[in-house]
Amino acid sequence: MDDKTIMENLLLTTKGVCDLYLHGTIESATANVNGAFKTALQDSLCLQDDIYKKMSAKGWYPAEQAEQQKIQNVKQKFANA
């Protein structure tokens, strides 16, 4: 398995963990449990960001800039709704 595939798997797994911790935070019944999930979520989001930045720096996660006109079209659509 090459490094890119390993990093993709780490990123996907970390995103899944973030999703679980988010739902745990939302559904927690006590302040202690909520705090534990919030801390775990924040840590996982930081890890996800680190993985993304490393992948992006290597060109393994290219991102495109949205066209300004498309952004304006979406803003108008929702402003008029």
PDB file of N, CA and C in Angstrom:
ATOM      1  N   MET A   1       0.856  -1.181   0.000  1.00  0.00           N
ATOM      2  CA  MET A   1       0.000   0.000   0.000  1.00  0.00           C
ATOM      3  C   MET A   1       0.899   1.241   0.000  1.00  0.00           C
ATOM      4  N   ASP A   2       0.625   2.182  -0.871  1.00  0.00           N
ATOM      5  CA  ASP A   2       1.455   3.381  -0.955  1.00  0.00           C
ATOM      6  C   ASP A   2       1.006   4.436   0.063  1.00  0.00           C
ATOM      7  N   ASP A   3       1.849   5.459   0.235  1.00  0.00           N
ATOM      8  CA  ASP A   3       1.586   6.500   1.237  1.00  0.00           C
ATOM      9  C   ASP A   3       0.274   7.247   0.978  1.00  0.00           C
ATOM     10  N   LYS A   4      -0.008   7.515  -0.295  1.00  0.00           N
ATOM     11  CA  LYS A   4      -1.237   8.241  -0.624  1.00  0.00           C
ATOM     12  C   LYS A   4      -2.463   7.450  -0.181  1.00  0.00           C
ATOM     13  N   THR A   5      -2.480   6.171  -0.436  1.00  0.00           N
ATOM     14  CA  THR A   5      -3.615   5.329  -0.052  1.00  0.00           C
ATOM     15  C   THR A   5      -3.754   5.275   1.467  1.00  0.00           C
ATOM     16  N   ILE A   6      -2.636   5.176   2.159  1.00  0.00           N
ATOM     17  CA  ILE A   6      -2.660   5.163   3.630  1.00  0.00           C
ATOM     18  C   ILE A   6      -3.248   6.469   4.157  1.00  0.00           C
ATOM     19  N   MET A   7      -2.796   7.587   3.600  1.00  0.00           N
ATOM     20  CA  MET A   7      -3.311   8.890   4.048  1.00  0.00           C
ATOM     21  C   MET A   7      -4.799   9.045   3.725  1.00  0.00           C
ATOM     22  N   GLU A   8      -5.231   8.569   2.553  1.00  0.00           N
ATOM     23  CA  GLU A   8      -6.660   8.621   2.214  1.00  0.00           C
ATOM     24  C   GLU A   8      -7.473   7.812   3.217  1.00  0.00           C
ATOM     25  N   ASN A   9      -6.975   6.635   3.575  1.00  0.00           N
ATOM     26  CA  ASN A   9      -7.681   5.804   4.557  1.00  0.00           C
ATOM     27  C   ASN A   9      -7.713   6.465   5.927  1.00  0.00           C
ATOM     28  N   LEU A  10      -6.609   7.082   6.327  1.00  0.00           N
ATOM     29  CA  LEU A  10      -6.588   7.805   7.605  1.00  0.00           C
ATOM     30  C   LEU A  10      -7.585   8.956   7.596  1.00  0.00           C
ATOM     31  N   LEU A  11      -7.631   9.695   6.502  1.00  0.00           N
ATOM     32  CA  LEU A  11      -8.547  10.828   6.412  1.00  0.00           C
ATOM     33  C   LEU A  11      -9.998  10.359   6.475  1.00  0.00           C
ATOM     34  N   LEU A  12     -10.325   9.323   5.721  1.00  0.00           N
ATOM     35  CA  LEU A  12     -11.703   8.811   5.734  1.00  0.00           C
ATOM     36  C   LEU A  12     -12.086   8.287   7.115  1.00  0.00           C
ATOM     37  N   THR A  13     -11.186   7.588   7.760  1.00  0.00           N
ATOM     38  CA  THR A  13     -11.465   7.069   9.096  1.00  0.00           C
ATOM     39  C   THR A  13     -11.646   8.205  10.093  1.00  0.00           C
ATOM     40  N   THR A  14     -10.794   9.198  10.002  1.00  0.00           N
ATOM     41  CA  THR A  14     -10.884  10.343  10.914  1.00  0.00           C
ATOM     42  C   THR A  14     -12.185  11.108  10.700  1.00  0.00           C
ATOM     43  N   LYS A  15     -12.603  11.262   9.449  1.00  0.00           N
ATOM     44  CA  LYS A  15     -13.878  11.927   9.173  1.00  0.00           C
ATOM     45  C   LYS A  15     -15.032  11.135   9.779  1.00  0.00           C
ATOM     46  N   GLY A  16     -14.970   9.808   9.691  1.00  0.00           N
ATOM     47  CA  GLY A  16     -16.001   8.968  10.295  1.00  0.00           C
ATOM     48  C   GLY A  16     -16.040   9.109  11.804  1.00  0.00           C
ATOM     49  N   VAL A  17     -14.864   9.179  12.414  1.00  0.00           N
ATOM     50  CA  VAL A  17     -14.782   9.370  13.867  1.00  0.00           C
ATOM     51  C   VAL A  17     -15.374  10.723  14.250  1.00  0.00           C
ATOM     52  N   CYS A  18     -15.075  11.760  13.473  1.00  0.00           N
ATOM     53  CA  CYS A  18     -15.643  13.092  13.745  1.00  0.00           C
ATOM     54  C   CYS A  18     -17.173  13.036  13.721  1.00  0.00           C
ATOM     55  N   ASP A  19     -17.714  12.317  12.758  1.00  0.00           N
ATOM     56  CA  ASP A  19     -19.163  12.179  12.655  1.00  0.00           C
ATOM     57  C   ASP A  19     -19.731  11.499  13.900  1.00  0.00           C
ATOM     58  N   LEU A  20     -19.090  10.451  14.364  1.00  0.00           N
ATOM     59  CA  LEU A  20     -19.561   9.746  15.564  1.00  0.00           C
ATOM     60  C   LEU A  20     -19.489  10.642  16.799  1.00  0.00           C
ATOM     61  N   TYR A  21     -18.370  11.355  16.946  1.00  0.00           N
ATOM     62  CA  TYR A  21     -18.228  12.242  18.098  1.00  0.00           C
ATOM     63  C   TYR A  21     -19.221  13.404  18.042  1.00  0.00           C
ATOM     64  N   LEU A  22     -19.509  13.898  16.853  1.00  0.00           N
ATOM     65  CA  LEU A  22     -20.508  14.956  16.717  1.00  0.00           C
ATOM     66  C   LEU A  22     -21.862  14.474  17.226  1.00  0.00           C
ATOM     67  N   HIS A  23     -22.271  13.285  16.782  1.00  0.00           N
ATOM     68  CA  HIS A  23     -23.554  12.756  17.234  1.00  0.00           C
ATOM     69  C   HIS A  23     -23.543  12.459  18.733  1.00  0.00           C
ATOM     70  N   GLY A  24     -22.412  12.000  19.237  1.00  0.00           N
ATOM     71  CA  GLY A  24     -22.299  11.790  20.678  1.00  0.00           C
ATOM     72  C   GLY A  24     -22.454  13.089  21.441  1.00  0.00           C
ATOM     73  N   THR A  25     -21.876  14.146  20.921  1.00  0.00           N
ATOM     74  CA  THR A  25     -21.998  15.466  21.562  1.00  0.00           C
ATOM     75  C   THR A  25     -23.444  15.941  21.549  1.00  0.00           C
ATOM     76  N   ILE A  26     -24.095  15.791  20.426  1.00  0.00           N
ATOM     77  CA  ILE A  26     -25.482  16.246  20.289  1.00  0.00           C
ATOM     78  C   ILE A  26     -26.414  15.453  21.199  1.00  0.00           C
ATOM     79  N   GLU A  27     -26.194  14.154  21.301  1.00  0.00           N
ATOM     80  CA  GLU A  27     -27.114  13.272  22.010  1.00  0.00           C
ATOM     81  C   GLU A  27     -26.770  13.051  23.478  1.00  0.00           C
ATOM     82  N   SER A  28     -25.636  13.560  23.958  1.00  0.00           N
ATOM     83  CA  SER A  28     -25.226  13.283  25.331  1.00  0.00           C
ATOM     84  C   SER A  28     -26.201  13.885  26.333  1.00  0.00           C
ATOM     85  N   ALA A  29     -26.429  13.128  27.400  1.00  0.00           N
ATOM     86  CA  ALA A  29     -27.451  13.512  28.378  1.00  0.00           C
ATOM     87  C   ALA A  29     -26.893  14.290  29.568  1.00  0.00           C
ATOM     88  N   THR A  30     -25.597  14.192  29.808  1.00  0.00           N
ATOM     89  CA  THR A  30     -25.029  14.880  30.970  1.00  0.00           C
ATOM     90  C   THR A  30     -23.883  15.782  30.527  1.00  0.00           C
ATOM     91  N   ALA A  31     -23.570  16.739  31.374  1.00  0.00           N
ATOM     92  CA  ALA A  31     -22.501  17.692  31.059  1.00  0.00           C
ATOM     93  C   ALA A  31     -21.149  16.994  30.946  1.00  0.00           C
ATOM     94  N   ASN A  32     -20.892  16.008  31.802  1.00  0.00           N
ATOM     95  CA  ASN A  32     -19.611  15.299  31.751  1.00  0.00           C
ATOM     96  C   ASN A  32     -19.450  14.528  30.446  1.00  0.00           C
ATOM     97  N   VAL A  33     -20.489  13.829  30.037  1.00  0.00           N
ATOM     98  CA  VAL A  33     -20.433  13.069  28.790  1.00  0.00           C
ATOM     99  C   VAL A  33     -20.323  14.027  27.611  1.00  0.00           C
ATOM    100  N   ASN A  34     -21.089  15.107  27.652  1.00  0.00           N
ATOM    101  CA  ASN A  34     -21.034  16.106  26.592  1.00  0.00           C
ATOM    102  C   ASN A  34     -19.631  16.679  26.475  1.00  0.00           C
ATOM    103  N   GLY A  35     -19.016  17.008  27.597  1.00  0.00           N
ATOM    104  CA  GLY A  35     -17.660  17.559  27.585  1.00  0.00           C
ATOM    105  C   GLY A  35     -16.644  16.585  27.018  1.00  0.00           C
ATOM    106  N   ALA A  36     -16.799  15.310  27.369  1.00  0.00           N
ATOM    107  CA  ALA A  36     -15.874  14.299  26.854  1.00  0.00           C
ATOM    108  C   ALA A  36     -16.004  14.179  25.330  1.00  0.00           C
ATOM    109  N   PHE A  37     -17.239  14.168  24.840  1.00  0.00           N
ATOM    110  CA  PHE A  37     -17.442  14.086  23.393  1.00  0.00           C
ATOM    111  C   PHE A  37     -16.948  15.349  22.694  1.00  0.00           C
ATOM    112  N   LYS A  38     -17.184  16.511  23.285  1.00  0.00           N
ATOM    113  CA  LYS A  38     -16.715  17.759  22.667  1.00  0.00           C
ATOM    114  C   LYS A  38     -15.201  17.786  22.547  1.00  0.00           C
ATOM    115  N   THR A  39     -14.530  17.354  23.606  1.00  0.00           N
ATOM    116  CA  THR A  39     -13.069  17.320  23.585  1.00  0.00           C
ATOM    117  C   THR A  39     -12.571  16.342  22.530  1.00  0.00           C
ATOM    118  N   ALA A  40     -13.166  15.170  22.490  1.00  0.00           N
ATOM    119  CA  ALA A  40     -12.779  14.159  21.498  1.00  0.00           C
ATOM    120  C   ALA A  40     -13.051  14.676  20.084  1.00  0.00           C
ATOM    121  N   LEU A  41     -14.181  15.356  19.887  1.00  0.00           N
ATOM    122  CA  LEU A  41     -14.518  15.913  18.579  1.00  0.00           C
ATOM    123  C   LEU A  41     -13.490  16.954  18.164  1.00  0.00           C
ATOM    124  N   GLN A  42     -13.162  17.857  19.070  1.00  0.00           N
ATOM    125  CA  GLN A  42     -12.189  18.909  18.746  1.00  0.00           C
ATOM    126  C   GLN A  42     -10.836  18.307  18.391  1.00  0.00           C
ATOM    127  N   ASP A  43     -10.390  17.334  19.162  1.00  0.00           N
ATOM    128  CA  ASP A  43      -9.112  16.674  18.879  1.00  0.00           C
ATOM    129  C   ASP A  43      -9.147  15.994  17.512  1.00  0.00           C
ATOM    130  N   SER A  44     -10.252  15.344  17.209  1.00  0.00           N
ATOM    131  CA  SER A  44     -10.391  14.641  15.929  1.00  0.00           C
ATOM    132  C   SER A  44     -10.446  15.613  14.765  1.00  0.00           C
ATOM    133  N   LEU A  45     -11.105  16.751  14.945  1.00  0.00           N
ATOM    134  CA  LEU A  45     -11.148  17.761  13.890  1.00  0.00           C
ATOM    135  C   LEU A  45      -9.753  18.322  13.617  1.00  0.00           C
ATOM    136  N   CYS A  46      -8.973  18.518  14.662  1.00  0.00           N
ATOM    137  CA  CYS A  46      -7.594  18.991  14.483  1.00  0.00           C
ATOM    138  C   CYS A  46      -6.764  17.953  13.736  1.00  0.00           C
ATOM    139  N   LEU A  47      -6.929  16.681  14.085  1.00  0.00           N
ATOM    140  CA  LEU A  47      -6.214  15.612  13.402  1.00  0.00           C
ATOM    141  C   LEU A  47      -6.613  15.553  11.928  1.00  0.00           C
ATOM    142  N   GLN A  48      -7.916  15.663  11.671  1.00  0.00           N
ATOM    143  CA  GLN A  48      -8.408  15.655  10.289  1.00  0.00           C
ATOM    144  C   GLN A  48      -7.793  16.806   9.508  1.00  0.00           C
ATOM    145  N   ASP A  49      -7.713  17.967  10.111  1.00  0.00           N
ATOM    146  CA  ASP A  49      -7.135  19.133   9.441  1.00  0.00           C
ATOM    147  C   ASP A  49      -5.650  18.915   9.142  1.00  0.00           C
ATOM    148  N   ASP A  50      -4.924  18.334  10.087  1.00  0.00           N
ATOM    149  CA  ASP A  50      -3.506  18.044   9.874  1.00  0.00           C
ATOM    150  C   ASP A  50      -3.311  17.074   8.709  1.00  0.00           C
ATOM    151  N   ILE A  51      -4.120  16.016   8.674  1.00  0.00           N
ATOM    152  CA  ILE A  51      -4.016  15.035   7.594  1.00  0.00           C
ATOM    153  C   ILE A  51      -4.324  15.698   6.253  1.00  0.00           C
ATOM    154  N   TYR A  52      -5.397  16.494   6.221  1.00  0.00           N
ATOM    155  CA  TYR A  52      -5.759  17.190   4.983  1.00  0.00           C
ATOM    156  C   TYR A  52      -4.615  18.091   4.507  1.00  0.00           C
ATOM    157  N   LYS A  53      -4.029  18.858   5.417  1.00  0.00           N
ATOM    158  CA  LYS A  53      -2.955  19.782   5.034  1.00  0.00           C
ATOM    159  C   LYS A  53      -1.753  19.035   4.473  1.00  0.00           C
ATOM    160  N   LYS A  54      -1.412  17.900   5.072  1.00  0.00           N
ATOM    161  CA  LYS A  54      -0.288  17.117   4.570  1.00  0.00           C
ATOM    162  C   LYS A  54      -0.594  16.538   3.192  1.00  0.00           C
ATOM    163  N   MET A  55      -1.817  16.058   3.008  1.00  0.00           N
ATOM    164  CA  MET A  55      -2.207  15.527   1.703  1.00  0.00           C
ATOM    165  C   MET A  55      -2.229  16.628   0.654  1.00  0.00           C
ATOM    166  N   SER A  56      -2.751  17.773   1.020  1.00  0.00           N
ATOM    167  CA  SER A  56      -2.826  18.898   0.098  1.00  0.00           C
ATOM    168  C   SER A  56      -1.432  19.367  -0.313  1.00  0.00           C
ATOM    169  N   ALA A  57      -0.516  19.403   0.643  1.00  0.00           N
ATOM    170  CA  ALA A  57       0.848  19.841   0.356  1.00  0.00           C
ATOM    171  C   ALA A  57       1.544  18.905  -0.634  1.00  0.00           C
ATOM    172  N   LYS A  58       1.169  17.634  -0.620  1.00  0.00           N
ATOM    173  CA  LYS A  58       1.758  16.666  -1.536  1.00  0.00           C
ATOM    174  C   LYS A  58       0.996  16.575  -2.855  1.00  0.00           C
ATOM    175  N   GLY A  59      -0.107  17.348  -2.966  1.00  0.00           N
ATOM    176  CA  GLY A  59      -0.906  17.319  -4.183  1.00  0.00           C
ATOM    177  C   GLY A  59      -1.859  16.139  -4.249  1.00  0.00           C
ATOM    178  N   TRP A  60      -2.093  15.488  -3.113  1.00  0.00           N
ATOM    179  CA  TRP A  60      -2.966  14.316  -3.060  1.00  0.00           C
ATOM    180  C   TRP A  60      -4.424  14.669  -2.793  1.00  0.00           C
ATOM    181  N   TYR A  61      -4.705  15.924  -2.519  1.00  0.00           N
ATOM    182  CA  TYR A  61      -6.070  16.366  -2.244  1.00  0.00           C
ATOM    183  C   TYR A  61      -6.244  17.744  -2.870  1.00  0.00           C
ATOM    184  N   PRO A  62      -6.291  17.777  -4.188  1.00  0.00           N
ATOM    185  CA  PRO A  62      -6.396  19.082  -4.850  1.00  0.00           C
ATOM    186  C   PRO A  62      -7.778  19.717  -4.628  1.00  0.00           C
ATOM    187  N   ALA A  63      -7.764  21.002  -4.474  1.00  0.00           N
ATOM    188  CA  ALA A  63      -9.018  21.743  -4.310  1.00  0.00           C
ATOM    189  C   ALA A  63      -9.084  22.829  -5.374  1.00  0.00           C
ATOM    190  N   GLU A  64     -10.276  23.088  -5.861  1.00  0.00           N
ATOM    191  CA  GLU A  64     -10.459  24.124  -6.864  1.00  0.00           C
ATOM    192  C   GLU A  64     -11.173  25.316  -6.241  1.00  0.00           C
ATOM    193  N   GLN A  65     -10.806  26.494  -6.694  1.00  0.00           N
ATOM    194  CA  GLN A  65     -11.482  27.701  -6.256  1.00  0.00           C
ATOM    195  C   GLN A  65     -12.828  27.804  -6.976  1.00  0.00           C
ATOM    196  N   ALA A  66     -13.854  28.147  -6.238  1.00  0.00           N
ATOM    197  CA  ALA A  66     -15.165  28.352  -6.855  1.00  0.00           C
ATOM    198  C   ALA A  66     -15.155  29.672  -7.625  1.00  0.00           C
ATOM    199  N   GLU A  67     -15.828  29.673  -8.751  1.00  0.00           N
ATOM    200  CA  GLU A  67     -15.921  30.901  -9.538  1.00  0.00           C
ATOM    201  C   GLU A  67     -16.780  31.912  -8.786  1.00  0.00           C
ATOM    202  N   GLN A  68     -16.351  33.155  -8.793  1.00  0.00           N
ATOM    203  CA  GLN A  68     -17.044  34.204  -8.059  1.00  0.00           C
ATOM    204  C   GLN A  68     -18.496  34.339  -8.522  1.00  0.00           C
ATOM    205  N   GLN A  69     -18.740  34.188  -9.813  1.00  0.00           N
ATOM    206  CA  GLN A  69     -20.109  34.302 -10.336  1.00  0.00           C
ATOM    207  C   GLN A  69     -21.003  33.209  -9.773  1.00  0.00           C
ATOM    208  N   LYS A  70     -20.484  32.004  -9.637  1.00  0.00           N
ATOM    209  CA  LYS A  70     -21.276  30.910  -9.060  1.00  0.00           C
ATOM    210  C   LYS A  70     -21.607  31.191  -7.590  1.00  0.00           C
ATOM    211  N   ILE A  71     -20.660  31.758  -6.878  1.00  0.00           N
ATOM    212  CA  ILE A  71     -20.894  32.122  -5.483  1.00  0.00           C
ATOM    213  C   ILE A  71     -22.001  33.167  -5.400  1.00  0.00           C
ATOM    214  N   GLN A  72     -21.933  34.177  -6.246  1.00  0.00           N
ATOM    215  CA  GLN A  72     -22.953  35.220  -6.253  1.00  0.00           C
ATOM    216  C   GLN A  72     -24.330  34.652  -6.608  1.00  0.00           C
ATOM    217  N   ASN A  73     -24.374  33.723  -7.556  1.00  0.00           N
ATOM    218  CA  ASN A  73     -25.646  33.100  -7.943  1.00  0.00           C
ATOM    219  C   ASN A  73     -26.284  32.367  -6.769  1.00  0.00           C
ATOM    220  N   VAL A  74     -25.479  31.653  -6.013  1.00  0.00           N
ATOM    221  CA  VAL A  74     -25.995  30.918  -4.852  1.00  0.00           C
ATOM    222  C   VAL A  74     -26.470  31.891  -3.780  1.00  0.00           C
ATOM    223  N   LYS A  75     -25.703  32.960  -3.556  1.00  0.00           N
ATOM    224  CA  LYS A  75     -26.112  33.968  -2.570  1.00  0.00           C
ATOM    225  C   LYS A  75     -27.465  34.577  -2.949  1.00  0.00           C
ATOM    226  N   GLN A  76     -27.640  34.913  -4.220  1.00  0.00           N
ATOM    227  CA  GLN A  76     -28.900  35.497  -4.685  1.00  0.00           C
ATOM    228  C   GLN A  76     -30.045  34.504  -4.537  1.00  0.00           C
ATOM    229  N   LYS A  77     -29.780  33.272  -4.870  1.00  0.00           N
ATOM    230  CA  LYS A  77     -30.823  32.248  -4.780  1.00  0.00           C
ATOM    231  C   LYS A  77     -31.376  32.146  -3.360  1.00  0.00           C
ATOM    232  N   PHE A  78     -30.487  32.129  -2.382  1.00  0.00           N
ATOM    233  CA  PHE A  78     -30.924  31.972  -1.007  1.00  0.00           C
ATOM    234  C   PHE A  78     -31.401  33.287  -0.389  1.00  0.00           C
ATOM    235  N   ALA A  79     -30.934  34.407  -0.908  1.00  0.00           N
ATOM    236  CA  ALA A  79     -31.419  35.700  -0.419  1.00  0.00           C
ATOM    237  C   ALA A  79     -32.851  35.922  -0.847  1.00  0.00           C
ATOM    238  N   ASN A  80     -33.195  35.392  -2.021  1.00  0.00           N
ATOM    239  CA  ASN A  80     -34.551  35.570  -2.551  1.00  0.00           C
ATOM    240  C   ASN A  80     -35.526  34.527  -1.999  1.00  0.00           C
ATOM    241  N   ALA A  81     -35.021  33.499  -1.365  1.00  0.00           N
ATOM    242  CA  ALA A  81     -35.896  32.419  -0.875  1.00  0.00           C
ATOM    243  C   ALA A  81     -36.631  32.791   0.387  1.00  0.00           C
TER     244      ALA A  81
END
